């Protein structure tokens, strides 16, 4: 088992990826290579940065990757705002992703604080 697989924050990011994948399948076809692609890349980036930073890195280096993951989570939030503006995401899906990102960002910030001690 790899170190990142034991991290609750990584598992939470994988859950977000799954839900985002479910939601973007409902997006119109003209968004496939635009917004749906962007939000999927951003959500994938959260988990990828946690995994990459955790493996064999120093705490300061891992903290840097956690910062990248936080920025990717903020990008997801921005993407769902754009989707809401374009009226291509339901209020329920928007609210769930938004709340999941809030929780995830708090978890990432706590991890970064721990790494920086």
N, C-alpha and C. Protein backbone atom coordinates (compact mmCIF):
# COMPACT_ATOMS: atom_id res chain seq x y z
N UNK A 1 0.84 -1.18 0.00
CA UNK A 1 0.00 0.00 0.00
C UNK A 1 0.89 1.25 0.00
N UNK A 2 0.51 2.24 -0.79
CA UNK A 2 1.25 3.49 -0.85
C UNK A 2 0.77 4.44 0.26
N UNK A 3 1.64 5.30 0.70
CA UNK A 3 1.36 6.22 1.81
C UNK A 3 0.07 7.02 1.56
N UNK A 4 -0.10 7.55 0.35
CA UNK A 4 -1.26 8.40 0.08
C UNK A 4 -2.58 7.67 0.21
N UNK A 5 -2.57 6.35 0.01
CA UNK A 5 -3.81 5.58 0.10
C UNK A 5 -4.37 5.54 1.52
N UNK A 6 -3.52 5.83 2.51
CA UNK A 6 -3.95 5.87 3.91
C UNK A 6 -4.49 7.24 4.32
N UNK A 7 -4.37 8.23 3.44
CA UNK A 7 -4.78 9.60 3.79
C UNK A 7 -6.27 9.82 3.50
N UNK A 8 -7.00 10.22 4.54
CA UNK A 8 -8.44 10.49 4.38
C UNK A 8 -8.68 11.57 3.33
N UNK A 9 -7.80 12.53 3.26
CA UNK A 9 -7.96 13.63 2.29
C UNK A 9 -7.83 13.11 0.86
N UNK A 10 -6.96 12.15 0.64
CA UNK A 10 -6.84 11.56 -0.70
C UNK A 10 -8.11 10.78 -1.04
N UNK A 11 -8.60 9.99 -0.09
CA UNK A 11 -9.83 9.22 -0.33
C UNK A 11 -11.02 10.15 -0.61
N UNK A 12 -11.08 11.27 0.09
CA UNK A 12 -12.14 12.26 -0.15
C UNK A 12 -12.00 12.84 -1.56
N UNK A 13 -10.78 13.08 -2.01
CA UNK A 13 -10.59 13.62 -3.36
C UNK A 13 -11.02 12.61 -4.42
N UNK A 14 -10.83 11.33 -4.16
CA UNK A 14 -11.26 10.29 -5.09
C UNK A 14 -12.79 10.25 -5.17
N UNK A 15 -13.46 10.44 -4.03
CA UNK A 15 -14.92 10.52 -4.03
C UNK A 15 -15.40 11.69 -4.88
N UNK A 16 -14.73 12.83 -4.75
CA UNK A 16 -15.09 14.01 -5.54
C UNK A 16 -14.93 13.73 -7.03
N UNK A 17 -13.85 13.07 -7.41
CA UNK A 17 -13.62 12.72 -8.82
C UNK A 17 -14.79 11.89 -9.35
N UNK A 18 -15.22 10.92 -8.57
CA UNK A 18 -16.34 10.07 -8.98
C UNK A 18 -17.62 10.84 -9.19
N UNK A 19 -17.92 11.76 -8.26
CA UNK A 19 -19.16 12.53 -8.39
C UNK A 19 -19.07 13.51 -9.55
N UNK A 20 -17.93 14.15 -9.72
CA UNK A 20 -17.77 15.07 -10.84
C UNK A 20 -17.92 14.34 -12.17
N UNK A 21 -17.35 13.16 -12.26
CA UNK A 21 -17.49 12.37 -13.49
C UNK A 21 -18.97 12.09 -13.77
N UNK A 22 -19.73 11.76 -12.74
CA UNK A 22 -21.17 11.52 -12.87
C UNK A 22 -21.89 12.78 -13.36
N UNK A 23 -21.54 13.93 -12.78
CA UNK A 23 -22.22 15.19 -13.11
C UNK A 23 -21.89 15.64 -14.53
N UNK A 24 -20.63 15.58 -14.93
CA UNK A 24 -20.27 16.13 -16.25
C UNK A 24 -20.84 15.29 -17.40
N UNK A 25 -21.21 14.07 -17.12
CA UNK A 25 -21.86 13.26 -18.16
C UNK A 25 -23.21 13.85 -18.56
N UNK A 26 -23.74 14.71 -17.70
CA UNK A 26 -25.03 15.38 -17.99
C UNK A 26 -24.82 16.71 -18.74
N UNK A 27 -23.59 17.16 -18.87
CA UNK A 27 -23.30 18.42 -19.55
C UNK A 27 -23.62 18.28 -21.04
N UNK A 28 -23.98 19.38 -21.70
CA UNK A 28 -24.24 19.32 -23.14
C UNK A 28 -22.97 18.95 -23.92
N UNK A 29 -23.16 18.38 -25.07
CA UNK A 29 -22.04 17.90 -25.89
C UNK A 29 -21.05 19.01 -26.24
N UNK A 30 -21.52 20.25 -26.39
CA UNK A 30 -20.60 21.33 -26.76
C UNK A 30 -19.67 21.73 -25.62
N UNK A 31 -19.87 21.16 -24.43
CA UNK A 31 -18.98 21.43 -23.29
C UNK A 31 -17.98 20.30 -23.06
N UNK A 32 -18.06 19.24 -23.85
CA UNK A 32 -17.21 18.07 -23.63
C UNK A 32 -15.73 18.43 -23.63
N UNK A 33 -15.29 19.22 -24.58
CA UNK A 33 -13.86 19.57 -24.66
C UNK A 33 -13.56 20.93 -24.04
N UNK A 34 -14.54 21.47 -23.35
CA UNK A 34 -14.34 22.78 -22.75
C UNK A 34 -14.46 22.63 -21.23
N UNK A 35 -15.61 22.98 -20.68
CA UNK A 35 -15.77 23.02 -19.23
C UNK A 35 -15.72 21.64 -18.59
N UNK A 36 -16.36 20.65 -19.19
CA UNK A 36 -16.34 19.32 -18.56
C UNK A 36 -14.92 18.77 -18.51
N UNK A 37 -14.15 18.99 -19.53
CA UNK A 37 -12.76 18.56 -19.54
C UNK A 37 -11.95 19.30 -18.47
N UNK A 38 -12.19 20.58 -18.34
CA UNK A 38 -11.45 21.40 -17.37
C UNK A 38 -11.75 20.99 -15.93
N UNK A 39 -13.03 20.78 -15.62
CA UNK A 39 -13.38 20.42 -14.25
C UNK A 39 -12.87 19.02 -13.90
N UNK A 40 -12.87 18.12 -14.88
CA UNK A 40 -12.33 16.78 -14.63
C UNK A 40 -10.82 16.83 -14.40
N UNK A 41 -10.11 17.62 -15.20
CA UNK A 41 -8.65 17.75 -15.00
C UNK A 41 -8.34 18.37 -13.64
N UNK A 42 -9.13 19.38 -13.26
CA UNK A 42 -8.90 20.04 -11.96
C UNK A 42 -9.15 19.09 -10.80
N UNK A 43 -10.24 18.32 -10.87
CA UNK A 43 -10.52 17.40 -9.77
C UNK A 43 -9.49 16.27 -9.73
N UNK A 44 -9.09 15.78 -10.89
CA UNK A 44 -8.04 14.75 -10.94
C UNK A 44 -6.75 15.28 -10.32
N UNK A 45 -6.45 16.53 -10.58
CA UNK A 45 -5.22 17.15 -10.10
C UNK A 45 -5.14 17.19 -8.57
N UNK A 46 -6.28 17.29 -7.92
CA UNK A 46 -6.27 17.29 -6.45
C UNK A 46 -5.67 15.98 -5.95
N UNK A 47 -6.24 14.87 -6.40
CA UNK A 47 -5.76 13.55 -5.95
C UNK A 47 -4.33 13.29 -6.41
N UNK A 48 -4.02 13.67 -7.64
CA UNK A 48 -2.69 13.44 -8.18
C UNK A 48 -1.61 14.18 -7.39
N UNK A 49 -1.89 15.42 -7.02
CA UNK A 49 -0.91 16.19 -6.25
C UNK A 49 -0.72 15.65 -4.84
N UNK A 50 -1.81 15.19 -4.22
CA UNK A 50 -1.68 14.58 -2.90
C UNK A 50 -0.80 13.34 -2.99
N UNK A 51 -1.08 12.50 -3.98
CA UNK A 51 -0.32 11.27 -4.14
C UNK A 51 1.15 11.56 -4.44
N UNK A 52 1.39 12.42 -5.40
CA UNK A 52 2.77 12.72 -5.78
C UNK A 52 3.56 13.34 -4.64
N UNK A 53 2.95 14.25 -3.92
CA UNK A 53 3.65 14.93 -2.84
C UNK A 53 3.93 14.04 -1.65
N UNK A 54 3.10 13.04 -1.45
CA UNK A 54 3.24 12.20 -0.25
C UNK A 54 4.36 11.18 -0.36
N UNK A 55 4.72 10.82 -1.54
CA UNK A 55 5.63 9.69 -1.72
C UNK A 55 7.09 10.11 -1.73
N UNK A 56 7.78 9.82 -0.66
CA UNK A 56 9.22 10.03 -0.61
C UNK A 56 9.66 11.48 -0.61
N UNK A 57 8.78 12.38 -0.23
CA UNK A 57 9.11 13.80 -0.22
C UNK A 57 9.33 14.27 1.22
N UNK A 58 10.05 15.35 1.36
CA UNK A 58 10.18 15.99 2.67
C UNK A 58 8.85 16.68 2.99
N UNK A 59 8.64 17.00 4.26
CA UNK A 59 7.41 17.71 4.63
C UNK A 59 7.25 19.04 3.89
N UNK A 60 8.31 19.85 3.76
CA UNK A 60 8.14 21.09 3.00
C UNK A 60 7.76 20.84 1.53
N UNK A 61 8.32 19.80 0.94
CA UNK A 61 8.00 19.48 -0.45
C UNK A 61 6.56 18.97 -0.56
N UNK A 62 6.16 18.11 0.37
CA UNK A 62 4.78 17.61 0.39
C UNK A 62 3.81 18.78 0.57
N UNK A 63 4.16 19.72 1.44
CA UNK A 63 3.33 20.90 1.68
C UNK A 63 3.12 21.70 0.40
N UNK A 64 4.15 21.77 -0.42
CA UNK A 64 4.05 22.47 -1.70
C UNK A 64 3.00 21.79 -2.59
N UNK A 65 3.03 20.47 -2.65
CA UNK A 65 2.06 19.74 -3.45
C UNK A 65 0.64 19.87 -2.90
N UNK A 66 0.52 19.93 -1.57
CA UNK A 66 -0.79 20.16 -0.95
C UNK A 66 -1.32 21.52 -1.38
N UNK A 67 -0.44 22.50 -1.48
CA UNK A 67 -0.83 23.82 -1.98
C UNK A 67 -1.37 23.75 -3.40
N UNK A 68 -0.72 22.94 -4.24
CA UNK A 68 -1.22 22.76 -5.61
C UNK A 68 -2.60 22.11 -5.59
N UNK A 69 -2.80 21.15 -4.69
CA UNK A 69 -4.10 20.48 -4.58
C UNK A 69 -5.18 21.47 -4.15
N UNK A 70 -4.85 22.36 -3.23
CA UNK A 70 -5.81 23.39 -2.80
C UNK A 70 -6.19 24.27 -3.99
N UNK A 71 -5.21 24.69 -4.77
CA UNK A 71 -5.50 25.52 -5.95
C UNK A 71 -6.39 24.79 -6.94
N UNK A 72 -6.17 23.50 -7.10
CA UNK A 72 -7.01 22.71 -8.01
C UNK A 72 -8.44 22.61 -7.49
N UNK A 73 -8.59 22.49 -6.18
CA UNK A 73 -9.94 22.45 -5.59
C UNK A 73 -10.65 23.78 -5.81
N UNK A 74 -9.93 24.89 -5.69
CA UNK A 74 -10.51 26.21 -5.96
C UNK A 74 -10.90 26.30 -7.43
N UNK A 75 -10.12 25.71 -8.30
CA UNK A 75 -10.45 25.69 -9.73
C UNK A 75 -11.76 24.93 -9.97
N UNK A 76 -11.96 23.84 -9.25
CA UNK A 76 -13.22 23.09 -9.37
C UNK A 76 -14.39 23.98 -8.96
N UNK A 77 -14.23 24.72 -7.87
CA UNK A 77 -15.29 25.61 -7.41
C UNK A 77 -15.60 26.67 -8.48
N UNK A 78 -14.57 27.22 -9.07
CA UNK A 78 -14.78 28.20 -10.14
C UNK A 78 -15.50 27.57 -11.33
N UNK A 79 -15.12 26.36 -11.68
CA UNK A 79 -15.77 25.66 -12.80
C UNK A 79 -17.26 25.46 -12.55
N UNK A 80 -17.63 25.09 -11.32
CA UNK A 80 -19.06 24.88 -11.08
C UNK A 80 -19.82 26.20 -11.08
N UNK A 81 -19.15 27.29 -10.70
CA UNK A 81 -19.80 28.61 -10.83
C UNK A 81 -20.05 28.94 -12.30
N UNK A 82 -19.08 28.63 -13.14
CA UNK A 82 -19.26 28.86 -14.58
C UNK A 82 -20.40 27.98 -15.10
N UNK A 83 -20.42 26.72 -14.67
CA UNK A 83 -21.49 25.82 -15.10
C UNK A 83 -22.86 26.32 -14.63
N UNK A 84 -22.90 26.90 -13.44
CA UNK A 84 -24.16 27.47 -12.93
C UNK A 84 -24.57 28.67 -13.77
N UNK A 85 -23.61 29.51 -14.11
CA UNK A 85 -23.89 30.69 -14.94
C UNK A 85 -24.42 30.28 -16.31
N UNK A 86 -23.86 29.22 -16.85
CA UNK A 86 -24.29 28.72 -18.16
C UNK A 86 -25.55 27.84 -18.07
N UNK A 87 -26.03 27.65 -16.85
CA UNK A 87 -27.24 26.87 -16.58
C UNK A 87 -27.11 25.43 -17.08
N UNK A 88 -25.96 24.82 -16.79
CA UNK A 88 -25.75 23.43 -17.21
C UNK A 88 -25.50 22.50 -16.02
N UNK A 89 -25.67 23.01 -14.81
CA UNK A 89 -25.52 22.18 -13.62
C UNK A 89 -26.73 22.44 -12.72
N UNK A 90 -27.24 21.37 -12.12
CA UNK A 90 -28.39 21.53 -11.23
C UNK A 90 -27.94 22.16 -9.91
N UNK A 91 -28.86 22.77 -9.22
CA UNK A 91 -28.57 23.37 -7.92
C UNK A 91 -28.07 22.30 -6.95
N UNK A 92 -28.67 21.12 -7.01
CA UNK A 92 -28.28 20.03 -6.11
C UNK A 92 -26.85 19.59 -6.37
N UNK A 93 -26.50 19.42 -7.65
CA UNK A 93 -25.14 19.01 -7.99
C UNK A 93 -24.14 20.11 -7.64
N UNK A 94 -24.50 21.36 -7.91
CA UNK A 94 -23.64 22.49 -7.55
C UNK A 94 -23.38 22.49 -6.05
N UNK A 95 -24.46 22.39 -5.27
CA UNK A 95 -24.34 22.45 -3.81
C UNK A 95 -23.47 21.31 -3.27
N UNK A 96 -23.65 20.11 -3.80
CA UNK A 96 -22.86 18.96 -3.32
C UNK A 96 -21.38 19.14 -3.63
N UNK A 97 -21.07 19.52 -4.85
CA UNK A 97 -19.66 19.72 -5.22
C UNK A 97 -19.06 20.86 -4.39
N UNK A 98 -19.81 21.95 -4.24
CA UNK A 98 -19.33 23.09 -3.47
C UNK A 98 -19.01 22.67 -2.03
N UNK A 99 -19.95 21.96 -1.40
CA UNK A 99 -19.76 21.53 -0.01
C UNK A 99 -18.60 20.54 0.09
N UNK A 100 -18.50 19.61 -0.87
CA UNK A 100 -17.38 18.66 -0.86
C UNK A 100 -16.05 19.38 -0.99
N UNK A 101 -16.00 20.41 -1.82
CA UNK A 101 -14.77 21.18 -1.99
C UNK A 101 -14.43 21.95 -0.72
N UNK A 102 -15.44 22.49 -0.06
CA UNK A 102 -15.18 23.19 1.21
C UNK A 102 -14.54 22.24 2.23
N UNK A 103 -15.10 21.05 2.36
CA UNK A 103 -14.56 20.06 3.29
C UNK A 103 -13.14 19.66 2.88
N UNK A 104 -12.97 19.40 1.61
CA UNK A 104 -11.67 18.97 1.09
C UNK A 104 -10.60 20.04 1.31
N UNK A 105 -10.95 21.29 1.04
CA UNK A 105 -9.98 22.38 1.23
C UNK A 105 -9.61 22.52 2.70
N UNK A 106 -10.58 22.38 3.60
CA UNK A 106 -10.27 22.44 5.04
C UNK A 106 -9.34 21.30 5.44
N UNK A 107 -9.59 20.11 4.90
CA UNK A 107 -8.72 18.97 5.18
C UNK A 107 -7.31 19.21 4.66
N UNK A 108 -7.22 19.75 3.45
CA UNK A 108 -5.92 20.04 2.86
C UNK A 108 -5.18 21.11 3.65
N UNK A 109 -5.90 22.15 4.10
CA UNK A 109 -5.27 23.20 4.88
C UNK A 109 -4.75 22.65 6.21
N UNK A 110 -5.53 21.76 6.83
CA UNK A 110 -5.08 21.14 8.09
C UNK A 110 -3.85 20.29 7.87
N UNK A 111 -3.84 19.54 6.77
CA UNK A 111 -2.66 18.72 6.44
C UNK A 111 -1.45 19.61 6.24
N UNK A 112 -1.62 20.71 5.54
CA UNK A 112 -0.49 21.61 5.28
C UNK A 112 0.04 22.21 6.59
N UNK A 113 -0.85 22.57 7.49
CA UNK A 113 -0.43 23.10 8.79
C UNK A 113 0.39 22.06 9.54
N UNK A 114 -0.08 20.81 9.53
CA UNK A 114 0.65 19.72 10.19
C UNK A 114 2.03 19.52 9.57
N UNK A 115 2.09 19.57 8.25
CA UNK A 115 3.37 19.37 7.56
C UNK A 115 4.35 20.50 7.84
N UNK A 116 3.83 21.69 8.09
CA UNK A 116 4.70 22.86 8.28
C UNK A 116 5.14 23.04 9.74
N UNK A 117 4.70 22.16 10.62
CA UNK A 117 5.12 22.28 12.04
C UNK A 117 6.53 21.81 12.24
